[in-house]
Amino acid sequence: MPKVVFVSADGQKRWEIDAPSGESLLAVAHANDIDLEGACEGSMACSTCHVIVDAKDIDRLPPPSDEEQDLLDLAYQVSPTSRLGCQIVLNDKLDGLTVRLPRRANNLLLD
C-alpha cells in the first residue's frame, strides 16, 4: 500500500496516508477529508483537483495527457510540476509521493 503525503498550501499541515493501489489521488483526498475539491468528481472536466507534485517525485509519474494539460491552463497557481489529482493513480512505484495543495482552485466546469 503506497504512502501519500499531502501538504497544505501554507506548508503548516502534513497528512501522511496509506492509500490503496489503484485509487486516484483525488479519491484518497476525499476519503481522508483533505480539502481537494474535485468539482467534476474526477471526470476531468475542471481543474479543481489541481495539486503541485514535489519536484523529486514528478519524474515518477507518467506524462500528462493533452486534455489534462489543457485543464491545467485553467488552474490557479500552476507550476511546472502541476497535475490533476484525478489523473494520478496510485501504485507501489509512487510510494512516498508528496503533493502540495494550491492556495485556491478555479471552479470552471467544461461541458
PDB file of N, CA and C in Angstrom:
ATOM      1  N   MET A   1       0.853  -1.173   0.000  1.00  0.00           N
ATOM      2  CA  MET A   1       0.000   0.000   0.000  1.00  0.00           C
ATOM      3  C   MET A   1       0.903   1.241   0.000  1.00  0.00           C
ATOM      4  N   PRO A   2       0.815   2.071  -1.057  1.00  0.00           N
ATOM      5  CA  PRO A   2       1.679   3.253  -1.112  1.00  0.00           C
ATOM      6  C   PRO A   2       1.272   4.320  -0.103  1.00  0.00           C
ATOM      7  N   LYS A   3       2.265   5.013   0.400  1.00  0.00           N
ATOM      8  CA  LYS A   3       2.033   6.159   1.278  1.00  0.00           C
ATOM      9  C   LYS A   3       2.034   7.416   0.415  1.00  0.00           C
ATOM     10  N   VAL A   4       1.097   8.314   0.709  1.00  0.00           N
ATOM     11  CA  VAL A   4       0.998   9.601   0.024  1.00  0.00           C
ATOM     12  C   VAL A   4       1.084  10.687   1.083  1.00  0.00           C
ATOM     13  N   VAL A   5       1.783  11.765   0.759  1.00  0.00           N
ATOM     14  CA  VAL A   5       1.902  12.894   1.678  1.00  0.00           C
ATOM     15  C   VAL A   5       1.255  14.113   1.015  1.00  0.00           C
ATOM     16  N   PHE A   6       0.246  14.652   1.687  1.00  0.00           N
ATOM     17  CA  PHE A   6      -0.385  15.900   1.259  1.00  0.00           C
ATOM     18  C   PHE A   6       0.155  17.007   2.162  1.00  0.00           C
ATOM     19  N   VAL A   7       0.473  18.156   1.572  1.00  0.00           N
ATOM     20  CA  VAL A   7       0.968  19.307   2.321  1.00  0.00           C
ATOM     21  C   VAL A   7       0.030  20.477   2.048  1.00  0.00           C
ATOM     22  N   SER A   8      -0.382  21.160   3.116  1.00  0.00           N
ATOM     23  CA  SER A   8      -1.262  22.318   2.949  1.00  0.00           C
ATOM     24  C   SER A   8      -0.554  23.415   2.155  1.00  0.00           C
ATOM     25  N   ALA A   9      -1.335  24.318   1.596  1.00  0.00           N
ATOM     26  CA  ALA A   9      -0.796  25.403   0.771  1.00  0.00           C
ATOM     27  C   ALA A   9       0.245  26.235   1.519  1.00  0.00           C
ATOM     28  N   ASP A  10       0.023  26.435   2.811  1.00  0.00           N
ATOM     29  CA  ASP A  10       0.961  27.244   3.594  1.00  0.00           C
ATOM     30  C   ASP A  10       2.100  26.418   4.175  1.00  0.00           C
ATOM     31  N   GLY A  11       2.091  25.121   3.946  1.00  0.00           N
ATOM     32  CA  GLY A  11       3.153  24.246   4.434  1.00  0.00           C
ATOM     33  C   GLY A  11       3.057  23.891   5.907  1.00  0.00           C
ATOM     34  N   GLN A  12       2.008  24.340   6.584  1.00  0.00           N
ATOM     35  CA  GLN A  12       1.896  24.139   8.034  1.00  0.00           C
ATOM     36  C   GLN A  12       1.330  22.775   8.422  1.00  0.00           C
ATOM     37  N   LYS A  13       0.589  22.136   7.519  1.00  0.00           N
ATOM     38  CA  LYS A  13      -0.017  20.841   7.831  1.00  0.00           C
ATOM     39  C   LYS A  13       0.468  19.795   6.841  1.00  0.00           C
ATOM     40  N   ARG A  14       0.659  18.589   7.353  1.00  0.00           N
ATOM     41  CA  ARG A  14       1.023  17.442   6.511  1.00  0.00           C
ATOM     42  C   ARG A  14       0.137  16.267   6.902  1.00  0.00           C
ATOM     43  N   TRP A  15      -0.332  15.572   5.900  1.00  0.00           N
ATOM     44  CA  TRP A  15      -1.110  14.361   6.124  1.00  0.00           C
ATOM     45  C   TRP A  15      -0.367  13.224   5.436  1.00  0.00           C
ATOM     46  N   GLU A  16       0.040  12.216   6.180  1.00  0.00           N
ATOM     47  CA  GLU A  16       0.663  11.027   5.604  1.00  0.00           C
ATOM     48  C   GLU A  16      -0.369   9.920   5.635  1.00  0.00           C
ATOM     49  N   ILE A  17      -0.712   9.424   4.463  1.00  0.00           N
ATOM     50  CA  ILE A  17      -1.820   8.489   4.334  1.00  0.00           C
ATOM     51  C   ILE A  17      -1.375   7.237   3.594  1.00  0.00           C
ATOM     52  N   ASP A  18      -1.717   6.083   4.139  1.00  0.00           N
ATOM     53  CA  ASP A  18      -1.547   4.831   3.425  1.00  0.00           C
ATOM     54  C   ASP A  18      -2.741   4.697   2.504  1.00  0.00           C
ATOM     55  N   ALA A  19      -2.473   4.653   1.205  1.00  0.00           N
ATOM     56  CA  ALA A  19      -3.549   4.683   0.211  1.00  0.00           C
ATOM     57  C   ALA A  19      -3.570   3.388  -0.591  1.00  0.00           C
ATOM     58  N   PRO A  20      -4.742   2.914  -0.928  1.00  0.00           N
ATOM     59  CA  PRO A  20      -4.825   1.693  -1.726  1.00  0.00           C
ATOM     60  C   PRO A  20      -4.317   1.902  -3.155  1.00  0.00           C
ATOM     61  N   SER A  21      -3.562   0.955  -3.661  1.00  0.00           N
ATOM     62  CA  SER A  21      -3.154   0.996  -5.062  1.00  0.00           C
ATOM     63  C   SER A  21      -4.395   0.993  -5.935  1.00  0.00           C
ATOM     64  N   GLY A  22      -4.323   1.709  -7.047  1.00  0.00           N
ATOM     65  CA  GLY A  22      -5.438   1.774  -7.981  1.00  0.00           C
ATOM     66  C   GLY A  22      -6.392   2.924  -7.734  1.00  0.00           C
ATOM     67  N   GLU A  23      -6.286   3.596  -6.580  1.00  0.00           N
ATOM     68  CA  GLU A  23      -7.134   4.759  -6.277  1.00  0.00           C
ATOM     69  C   GLU A  23      -6.485   6.030  -6.833  1.00  0.00           C
ATOM     70  N   SER A  24      -7.318   6.974  -7.215  1.00  0.00           N
ATOM     71  CA  SER A  24      -6.785   8.265  -7.650  1.00  0.00           C
ATOM     72  C   SER A  24      -6.410   9.087  -6.420  1.00  0.00           C
ATOM     73  N   LEU A  25      -5.506   9.998  -6.619  1.00  0.00           N
ATOM     74  CA  LEU A  25      -5.120  10.910  -5.550  1.00  0.00           C
ATOM     75  C   LEU A  25      -6.331  11.695  -5.057  1.00  0.00           C
ATOM     76  N   LEU A  26      -7.215  12.068  -5.961  1.00  0.00           N
ATOM     77  CA  LEU A  26      -8.434  12.792  -5.588  1.00  0.00           C
ATOM     78  C   LEU A  26      -9.308  11.945  -4.662  1.00  0.00           C
ATOM     79  N   ALA A  27      -9.512  10.686  -4.995  1.00  0.00           N
ATOM     80  CA  ALA A  27     -10.339   9.803  -4.161  1.00  0.00           C
ATOM     81  C   ALA A  27      -9.727   9.629  -2.778  1.00  0.00           C
ATOM     82  N   VAL A  28      -8.421   9.527  -2.707  1.00  0.00           N
ATOM     83  CA  VAL A  28      -7.736   9.393  -1.413  1.00  0.00           C
ATOM     84  C   VAL A  28      -7.923  10.657  -0.586  1.00  0.00           C
ATOM     85  N   ALA A  29      -7.804  11.816  -1.224  1.00  0.00           N
ATOM     86  CA  ALA A  29      -8.012  13.083  -0.513  1.00  0.00           C
ATOM     87  C   ALA A  29      -9.426  13.145   0.049  1.00  0.00           C
ATOM     88  N   HIS A  30     -10.417  12.816  -0.761  1.00  0.00           N
ATOM     89  CA  HIS A  30     -11.807  12.865  -0.300  1.00  0.00           C
ATOM     90  C   HIS A  30     -12.055  11.881   0.830  1.00  0.00           C
ATOM     91  N   ALA A  31     -11.500  10.678   0.735  1.00  0.00           N
ATOM     92  CA  ALA A  31     -11.710   9.655   1.765  1.00  0.00           C
ATOM     93  C   ALA A  31     -11.083  10.043   3.099  1.00  0.00           C
ATOM     94  N   ASN A  32     -10.134  11.007   3.056  1.00  0.00           N
ATOM     95  CA  ASN A  32      -9.430  11.405   4.267  1.00  0.00           C
ATOM     96  C   ASN A  32      -9.693  12.852   4.658  1.00  0.00           C
ATOM     97  N   ASP A  33     -10.783  13.416   4.152  1.00  0.00           N
ATOM     98  CA  ASP A  33     -11.210  14.780   4.495  1.00  0.00           C
ATOM     99  C   ASP A  33     -10.141  15.837   4.238  1.00  0.00           C
ATOM    100  N   ILE A  34      -9.399  15.662   3.148  1.00  0.00           N
ATOM    101  CA  ILE A  34      -8.419  16.664   2.735  1.00  0.00           C
ATOM    102  C   ILE A  34      -9.106  17.565   1.722  1.00  0.00           C
ATOM    103  N   ASP A  35      -8.941  18.858   1.883  1.00  0.00           N
ATOM    104  CA  ASP A  35      -9.673  19.856   1.105  1.00  0.00           C
ATOM    105  C   ASP A  35      -9.137  19.976  -0.324  1.00  0.00           C
ATOM    106  N   LEU A  36      -9.484  18.990  -1.147  1.00  0.00           N
ATOM    107  CA  LEU A  36      -9.160  18.990  -2.572  1.00  0.00           C
ATOM    108  C   LEU A  36     -10.495  18.849  -3.279  1.00  0.00           C
ATOM    109  N   GLU A  37     -10.944  19.894  -3.952  1.00  0.00           N
ATOM    110  CA  GLU A  37     -12.346  19.989  -4.365  1.00  0.00           C
ATOM    111  C   GLU A  37     -12.818  18.891  -5.313  1.00  0.00           C
ATOM    112  N   GLY A  38     -12.326  18.837  -6.524  1.00  0.00           N
ATOM    113  CA  GLY A  38     -12.814  17.846  -7.479  1.00  0.00           C
ATOM    114  C   GLY A  38     -14.258  18.085  -7.879  1.00  0.00           C
ATOM    115  N   ALA A  39     -14.583  19.291  -8.324  1.00  0.00           N
ATOM    116  CA  ALA A  39     -15.966  19.672  -8.636  1.00  0.00           C
ATOM    117  C   ALA A  39     -16.612  18.767  -9.682  1.00  0.00           C
ATOM    118  N   CYS A  40     -15.828  18.247 -10.607  1.00  0.00           N
ATOM    119  CA  CYS A  40     -16.397  17.394 -11.655  1.00  0.00           C
ATOM    120  C   CYS A  40     -16.387  15.921 -11.254  1.00  0.00           C
ATOM    121  N   GLU A  41     -16.022  15.647 -10.007  1.00  0.00           N
ATOM    122  CA  GLU A  41     -15.999  14.298  -9.441  1.00  0.00           C
ATOM    123  C   GLU A  41     -15.066  13.359 -10.191  1.00  0.00           C
ATOM    124  N   GLY A  42     -13.971  13.900 -10.687  1.00  0.00           N
ATOM    125  CA  GLY A  42     -12.953  13.073 -11.330  1.00  0.00           C
ATOM    126  C   GLY A  42     -13.202  12.766 -12.785  1.00  0.00           C
ATOM    127  N   SER A  43     -14.118  13.459 -13.428  1.00  0.00           N
ATOM    128  CA  SER A  43     -14.397  13.188 -14.838  1.00  0.00           C
ATOM    129  C   SER A  43     -13.508  14.004 -15.780  1.00  0.00           C
ATOM    130  N   MET A  44     -12.548  14.687 -15.236  1.00  0.00           N
ATOM    131  CA  MET A  44     -11.594  15.532 -15.958  1.00  0.00           C
ATOM    132  C   MET A  44     -12.304  16.580 -16.813  1.00  0.00           C
ATOM    133  N   ALA A  45     -13.181  17.332 -16.154  1.00  0.00           N
ATOM    134  CA  ALA A  45     -13.892  18.424 -16.802  1.00  0.00           C
ATOM    135  C   ALA A  45     -13.668  19.747 -16.073  1.00  0.00           C
ATOM    136  N   CYS A  46     -12.734  19.773 -15.124  1.00  0.00           N
ATOM    137  CA  CYS A  46     -12.416  21.005 -14.404  1.00  0.00           C
ATOM    138  C   CYS A  46     -10.952  20.927 -13.955  1.00  0.00           C
ATOM    139  N   SER A  47     -10.532  21.904 -13.201  1.00  0.00           N
ATOM    140  CA  SER A  47      -9.150  21.888 -12.699  1.00  0.00           C
ATOM    141  C   SER A  47      -9.104  22.022 -11.174  1.00  0.00           C
ATOM    142  N   THR A  48     -10.215  21.740 -10.497  1.00  0.00           N
ATOM    143  CA  THR A  48     -10.276  21.983  -9.055  1.00  0.00           C
ATOM    144  C   THR A  48      -9.546  20.943  -8.219  1.00  0.00           C
ATOM    145  N   CYS A  49      -9.055  19.875  -8.826  1.00  0.00           N
ATOM    146  CA  CYS A  49      -8.254  18.902  -8.076  1.00  0.00           C
ATOM    147  C   CYS A  49      -6.768  19.090  -8.376  1.00  0.00           C
ATOM    148  N   HIS A  50      -6.422  20.281  -8.827  1.00  0.00           N
ATOM    149  CA  HIS A  50      -5.030  20.628  -9.120  1.00  0.00           C
ATOM    150  C   HIS A  50      -4.167  20.472  -7.885  1.00  0.00           C
ATOM    151  N   VAL A  51      -3.049  19.782  -8.033  1.00  0.00           N
ATOM    152  CA  VAL A  51      -2.046  19.657  -6.977  1.00  0.00           C
ATOM    153  C   VAL A  51      -0.683  19.978  -7.564  1.00  0.00           C
ATOM    154  N   ILE A  52       0.243  20.301  -6.695  1.00  0.00           N
ATOM    155  CA  ILE A  52       1.616  20.575  -7.114  1.00  0.00           C
ATOM    156  C   ILE A  52       2.474  19.444  -6.576  1.00  0.00           C
ATOM    157  N   VAL A  53       2.977  18.634  -7.481  1.00  0.00           N
ATOM    158  CA  VAL A  53       3.769  17.466  -7.127  1.00  0.00           C
ATOM    159  C   VAL A  53       5.173  17.924  -6.751  1.00  0.00           C
ATOM    160  N   ASP A  54       5.714  17.340  -5.688  1.00  0.00           N
ATOM    161  CA  ASP A  54       7.073  17.658  -5.277  1.00  0.00           C
ATOM    162  C   ASP A  54       8.024  17.372  -6.438  1.00  0.00           C
ATOM    163  N   ALA A  55       8.977  18.260  -6.654  1.00  0.00           N
ATOM    164  CA  ALA A  55       9.908  18.129  -7.782  1.00  0.00           C
ATOM    165  C   ALA A  55      10.637  16.794  -7.783  1.00  0.00           C
ATOM    166  N   LYS A  56      10.921  16.236  -6.607  1.00  0.00           N
ATOM    167  CA  LYS A  56      11.637  14.957  -6.543  1.00  0.00           C
ATOM    168  C   LYS A  56      10.775  13.791  -7.016  1.00  0.00           C
ATOM    169  N   ASP A  57       9.473  13.998  -7.095  1.00  0.00           N
ATOM    170  CA  ASP A  57       8.541  12.927  -7.461  1.00  0.00           C
ATOM    171  C   ASP A  57       7.995  13.018  -8.873  1.00  0.00           C
ATOM    172  N   ILE A  58       8.112  14.141  -9.514  1.00  0.00           N
ATOM    173  CA  ILE A  58       7.412  14.361 -10.781  1.00  0.00           C
ATOM    174  C   ILE A  58       7.817  13.358 -11.854  1.00  0.00           C
ATOM    175  N   ASP A  59       9.060  12.942 -11.890  1.00  0.00           N
ATOM    176  CA  ASP A  59       9.504  12.011 -12.918  1.00  0.00           C
ATOM    177  C   ASP A  59       8.994  10.589 -12.698  1.00  0.00           C
ATOM    178  N   ARG A  60       8.406  10.321 -11.547  1.00  0.00           N
ATOM    179  CA  ARG A  60       7.829   9.001 -11.298  1.00  0.00           C
ATOM    180  C   ARG A  60       6.429   8.864 -11.880  1.00  0.00           C
ATOM    181  N   LEU A  61       5.842   9.982 -12.300  1.00  0.00           N
ATOM    182  CA  LEU A  61       4.501   9.979 -12.878  1.00  0.00           C
ATOM    183  C   LEU A  61       4.581   9.894 -14.397  1.00  0.00           C
ATOM    184  N   PRO A  62       3.590   9.239 -15.013  1.00  0.00           N
ATOM    185  CA  PRO A  62       3.528   9.306 -16.476  1.00  0.00           C
ATOM    186  C   PRO A  62       3.235  10.740 -16.900  1.00  0.00           C
ATOM    187  N   PRO A  63       3.628  11.117 -18.098  1.00  0.00           N
ATOM    188  CA  PRO A  63       3.362  12.496 -18.529  1.00  0.00           C
ATOM    189  C   PRO A  63       1.856  12.759 -18.617  1.00  0.00           C
ATOM    190  N   PRO A  64       1.458  14.009 -18.415  1.00  0.00           N
ATOM    191  CA  PRO A  64       0.032  14.345 -18.517  1.00  0.00           C
ATOM    192  C   PRO A  64      -0.439  14.251 -19.965  1.00  0.00           C
ATOM    193  N   SER A  65      -1.706  13.907 -20.124  1.00  0.00           N
ATOM    194  CA  SER A  65      -2.306  13.888 -21.462  1.00  0.00           C
ATOM    195  C   SER A  65      -2.506  15.326 -21.945  1.00  0.00           C
ATOM    196  N   ASP A  66      -2.776  15.483 -23.225  1.00  0.00           N
ATOM    197  CA  ASP A  66      -3.061  16.814 -23.767  1.00  0.00           C
ATOM    198  C   ASP A  66      -4.291  17.410 -23.096  1.00  0.00           C
ATOM    199  N   GLU A  67      -5.299  16.575 -22.818  1.00  0.00           N
ATOM    200  CA  GLU A  67      -6.519  17.058 -22.165  1.00  0.00           C
ATOM    201  C   GLU A  67      -6.213  17.566 -20.753  1.00  0.00           C
ATOM    202  N   GLU A  68      -5.379  16.837 -20.012  1.00  0.00           N
ATOM    203  CA  GLU A  68      -5.002  17.287 -18.674  1.00  0.00           C
ATOM    204  C   GLU A  68      -4.233  18.598 -18.753  1.00  0.00           C
ATOM    205  N   GLN A  69      -3.317  18.698 -19.698  1.00  0.00           N
ATOM    206  CA  GLN A  69      -2.546  19.940 -19.875  1.00  0.00           C
ATOM    207  C   GLN A  69      -3.480  21.117 -20.154  1.00  0.00           C
ATOM    208  N   ASP A  70      -4.488  20.901 -21.006  1.00  0.00           N
ATOM    209  CA  ASP A  70      -5.439  21.975 -21.316  1.00  0.00           C
ATOM    210  C   ASP A  70      -6.186  22.428 -20.063  1.00  0.00           C
ATOM    211  N   LEU A  71      -6.594  21.480 -19.226  1.00  0.00           N
ATOM    212  CA  LEU A  71      -7.299  21.838 -17.994  1.00  0.00           C
ATOM    213  C   LEU A  71      -6.373  22.532 -17.002  1.00  0.00           C
ATOM    214  N   LEU A  72      -5.133  22.132 -16.961  1.00  0.00           N
ATOM    215  CA  LEU A  72      -4.189  22.801 -16.057  1.00  0.00           C
ATOM    216  C   LEU A  72      -4.002  24.270 -16.441  1.00  0.00           C
ATOM    217  N   ASP A  73      -4.221  24.595 -17.707  1.00  0.00           N
ATOM    218  CA  ASP A  73      -4.149  26.001 -18.127  1.00  0.00           C
ATOM    219  C   ASP A  73      -5.188  26.853 -17.407  1.00  0.00           C
ATOM    220  N   LEU A  74      -6.251  26.220 -16.892  1.00  0.00           N
ATOM    221  CA  LEU A  74      -7.319  26.930 -16.185  1.00  0.00           C
ATOM    222  C   LEU A  74      -7.096  26.987 -14.674  1.00  0.00           C
ATOM    223  N   ALA A  75      -6.101  26.280 -14.188  1.00  0.00           N
ATOM    224  CA  ALA A  75      -5.874  26.158 -12.745  1.00  0.00           C
ATOM    225  C   ALA A  75      -5.182  27.399 -12.189  1.00  0.00           C
ATOM    226  N   TYR A  76      -5.340  27.562 -10.882  1.00  0.00           N
ATOM    227  CA  TYR A  76      -4.714  28.672 -10.149  1.00  0.00           C
ATOM    228  C   TYR A  76      -3.343  28.212  -9.655  1.00  0.00           C
ATOM    229  N   GLN A  77      -2.357  29.076  -9.722  1.00  0.00           N
ATOM    230  CA  GLN A  77      -1.029  28.831  -9.175  1.00  0.00           C
ATOM    231  C   GLN A  77      -0.357  27.612  -9.828  1.00  0.00           C
ATOM    232  N   VAL A  78      -0.425  27.531 -11.141  1.00  0.00           N
ATOM    233  CA  VAL A  78       0.173  26.418 -11.875  1.00  0.00           C
ATOM    234  C   VAL A  78       1.692  26.517 -11.811  1.00  0.00           C
ATOM    235  N   SER A  79       2.314  25.362 -11.668  1.00  0.00           N
ATOM    236  CA  SER A  79       3.776  25.288 -11.657  1.00  0.00           C
ATOM    237  C   SER A  79       4.201  24.222 -12.660  1.00  0.00           C
ATOM    238  N   PRO A  80       5.489  24.100 -12.932  1.00  0.00           N
ATOM    239  CA  PRO A  80       5.948  23.054 -13.862  1.00  0.00           C
ATOM    240  C   PRO A  80       5.627  21.629 -13.380  1.00  0.00           C
ATOM    241  N   THR A  81       5.348  21.465 -12.093  1.00  0.00           N
ATOM    242  CA  THR A  81       5.032  20.131 -11.581  1.00  0.00           C
ATOM    243  C   THR A  81       3.553  19.985 -11.218  1.00  0.00           C
ATOM    244  N   SER A  82       2.708  20.842 -11.762  1.00  0.00           N
ATOM    245  CA  SER A  82       1.266  20.769 -11.509  1.00  0.00           C
ATOM    246  C   SER A  82       0.651  19.574 -12.229  1.00  0.00           C
ATOM    247  N   ARG A  83      -0.282  18.933 -11.552  1.00  0.00           N
ATOM    248  CA  ARG A  83      -1.049  17.823 -12.128  1.00  0.00           C
ATOM    249  C   ARG A  83      -2.457  17.866 -11.566  1.00  0.00           C
ATOM    250  N   LEU A  84      -3.350  17.118 -12.179  1.00  0.00           N
ATOM    251  CA  LEU A  84      -4.708  16.958 -11.666  1.00  0.00           C
ATOM    252  C   LEU A  84      -4.742  15.706 -10.804  1.00  0.00           C
ATOM    253  N   GLY A  85      -5.257  15.842  -9.594  1.00  0.00           N
ATOM    254  CA  GLY A  85      -5.312  14.717  -8.662  1.00  0.00           C
ATOM    255  C   GLY A  85      -6.137  13.552  -9.180  1.00  0.00           C
ATOM    256  N   CYS A  86      -7.130  13.831 -10.010  1.00  0.00           N
ATOM    257  CA  CYS A  86      -7.958  12.753 -10.551  1.00  0.00           C
ATOM    258  C   CYS A  86      -7.200  11.908 -11.566  1.00  0.00           C
ATOM    259  N   GLN A  87      -6.081  12.410 -12.066  1.00  0.00           N
ATOM    260  CA  GLN A  87      -5.317  11.692 -13.083  1.00  0.00           C
ATOM    261  C   GLN A  87      -4.102  10.968 -12.525  1.00  0.00           C
ATOM    262  N   ILE A  88      -3.848  11.118 -11.246  1.00  0.00           N
ATOM    263  CA  ILE A  88      -2.740  10.396 -10.609  1.00  0.00           C
ATOM    264  C   ILE A  88      -3.325   9.154  -9.958  1.00  0.00           C
ATOM    265  N   VAL A  89      -3.028   8.004 -10.520  1.00  0.00           N
ATOM    266  CA  VAL A  89      -3.497   6.729  -9.984  1.00  0.00           C
ATOM    267  C   VAL A  89      -2.340   6.115  -9.209  1.00  0.00           C
ATOM    268  N   LEU A  90      -2.597   5.831  -7.951  1.00  0.00           N
ATOM    269  CA  LEU A  90      -1.536   5.381  -7.057  1.00  0.00           C
ATOM    270  C   LEU A  90      -1.172   3.914  -7.279  1.00  0.00           C
ATOM    271  N   ASN A  91       0.111   3.646  -7.099  1.00  0.00           N
ATOM    272  CA  ASN A  91       0.641   2.285  -7.159  1.00  0.00           C
ATOM    273  C   ASN A  91       1.907   2.242  -6.313  1.00  0.00           C
ATOM    274  N   ASP A  92       2.471   1.073  -6.139  1.00  0.00           N
ATOM    275  CA  ASP A  92       3.640   0.927  -5.272  1.00  0.00           C
ATOM    276  C   ASP A  92       4.833   1.759  -5.739  1.00  0.00           C
ATOM    277  N   LYS A  93       4.952   2.026  -7.026  1.00  0.00           N
ATOM    278  CA  LYS A  93       6.048   2.849  -7.546  1.00  0.00           C
ATOM    279  C   LYS A  93       5.952   4.293  -7.061  1.00  0.00           C
ATOM    280  N   LEU A  94       4.750   4.693  -6.628  1.00  0.00           N
ATOM    281  CA  LEU A  94       4.544   6.071  -6.169  1.00  0.00           C
ATOM    282  C   LEU A  94       4.586   6.194  -4.650  1.00  0.00           C
ATOM    283  N   ASP A  95       5.060   5.156  -3.966  1.00  0.00           N
ATOM    284  CA  ASP A  95       5.153   5.206  -2.508  1.00  0.00           C
ATOM    285  C   ASP A  95       5.971   6.427  -2.080  1.00  0.00           C
ATOM    286  N   GLY A  96       5.413   7.218  -1.170  1.00  0.00           N
ATOM    287  CA  GLY A  96       6.088   8.425  -0.683  1.00  0.00           C
ATOM    288  C   GLY A  96       5.789   9.670  -1.498  1.00  0.00           C
ATOM    289  N   LEU A  97       4.923   9.556  -2.496  1.00  0.00           N
ATOM    290  CA  LEU A  97       4.563  10.712  -3.321  1.00  0.00           C
ATOM    291  C   LEU A  97       4.113  11.869  -2.434  1.00  0.00           C
ATOM    292  N   THR A  98       4.673  13.047  -2.690  1.00  0.00           N
ATOM    293  CA  THR A  98       4.327  14.235  -1.917  1.00  0.00           C
ATOM    294  C   THR A  98       3.723  15.272  -2.848  1.00  0.00           C
ATOM    295  N   VAL A  99       2.558  15.796  -2.457  1.00  0.00           N
ATOM    296  CA  VAL A  99       1.885  16.837  -3.236  1.00  0.00           C
ATOM    297  C   VAL A  99       1.474  17.971  -2.314  1.00  0.00           C
ATOM    298  N   ARG A 100       1.530  19.181  -2.844  1.00  0.00           N
ATOM    299  CA  ARG A 100       1.096  20.364  -2.100  1.00  0.00           C
ATOM    300  C   ARG A 100      -0.215  20.851  -2.689  1.00  0.00           C
ATOM    301  N   LEU A 101      -1.108  21.275  -1.825  1.00  0.00           N
ATOM    302  CA  LEU A 101      -2.378  21.849  -2.264  1.00  0.00           C
ATOM    303  C   LEU A 101      -2.145  23.306  -2.643  1.00  0.00           C
ATOM    304  N   PRO A 102      -2.746  23.775  -3.727  1.00  0.00           N
ATOM    305  CA  PRO A 102      -2.608  25.192  -4.069  1.00  0.00           C
ATOM    306  C   PRO A 102      -3.427  26.059  -3.114  1.00  0.00           C
ATOM    307  N   ARG A 103      -3.188  27.339  -3.131  1.00  0.00           N
ATOM    308  CA  ARG A 103      -3.883  28.256  -2.220  1.00  0.00           C
ATOM    309  C   ARG A 103      -5.373  28.348  -2.499  1.00  0.00           C
ATOM    310  N   ARG A 104      -5.776  28.122  -3.724  1.00  0.00           N
ATOM    311  CA  ARG A 104      -7.192  28.133  -4.071  1.00  0.00           C
ATOM    312  C   ARG A 104      -7.379  27.378  -5.383  1.00  0.00           C
ATOM    313  N   ALA A 105      -8.646  27.182  -5.775  1.00  0.00           N
ATOM    314  CA  ALA A 105      -8.957  26.485  -7.014  1.00  0.00           C
ATOM    315  C   ALA A 105      -9.856  27.356  -7.872  1.00  0.00           C
ATOM    316  N   ASN A 106      -9.664  27.275  -9.165  1.00  0.00           N
ATOM    317  CA  ASN A 106     -10.586  27.920 -10.099  1.00  0.00           C
ATOM    318  C   ASN A 106     -11.666  26.910 -10.430  1.00  0.00           C
ATOM    319  N   ASN A 107     -12.913  27.242 -10.162  1.00  0.00           N
ATOM    320  CA  ASN A 107     -14.004  26.318 -10.380  1.00  0.00           C
ATOM    321  C   ASN A 107     -14.682  26.622 -11.711  1.00  0.00           C
ATOM    322  N   LEU A 108     -14.048  26.150 -12.785  1.00  0.00           N
ATOM    323  CA  LEU A 108     -14.590  26.323 -14.135  1.00  0.00           C
ATOM    324  C   LEU A 108     -14.874  24.944 -14.690  1.00  0.00           C
ATOM    325  N   LEU A 109     -16.138  24.588 -14.783  1.00  0.00           N
ATOM    326  CA  LEU A 109     -16.519  23.300 -15.366  1.00  0.00           C
ATOM    327  C   LEU A 109     -16.651  23.441 -16.865  1.00  0.00           C
ATOM    328  N   LEU A 110     -16.107  22.485 -17.595  1.00  0.00           N
ATOM    329  CA  LEU A 110     -16.211  22.481 -19.046  1.00  0.00           C
ATOM    330  C   LEU A 110     -17.259  21.478 -19.473  1.00  0.00           C
ATOM    331  N   ASP A 111     -18.063  21.840 -20.435  1.00  0.00           N
ATOM    332  CA  ASP A 111     -19.072  20.918 -20.947  1.00  0.00           C
ATOM    333  C   ASP A 111     -18.621  20.333 -22.255  1.00  0.00           C
TER     334      ASP A 111
END
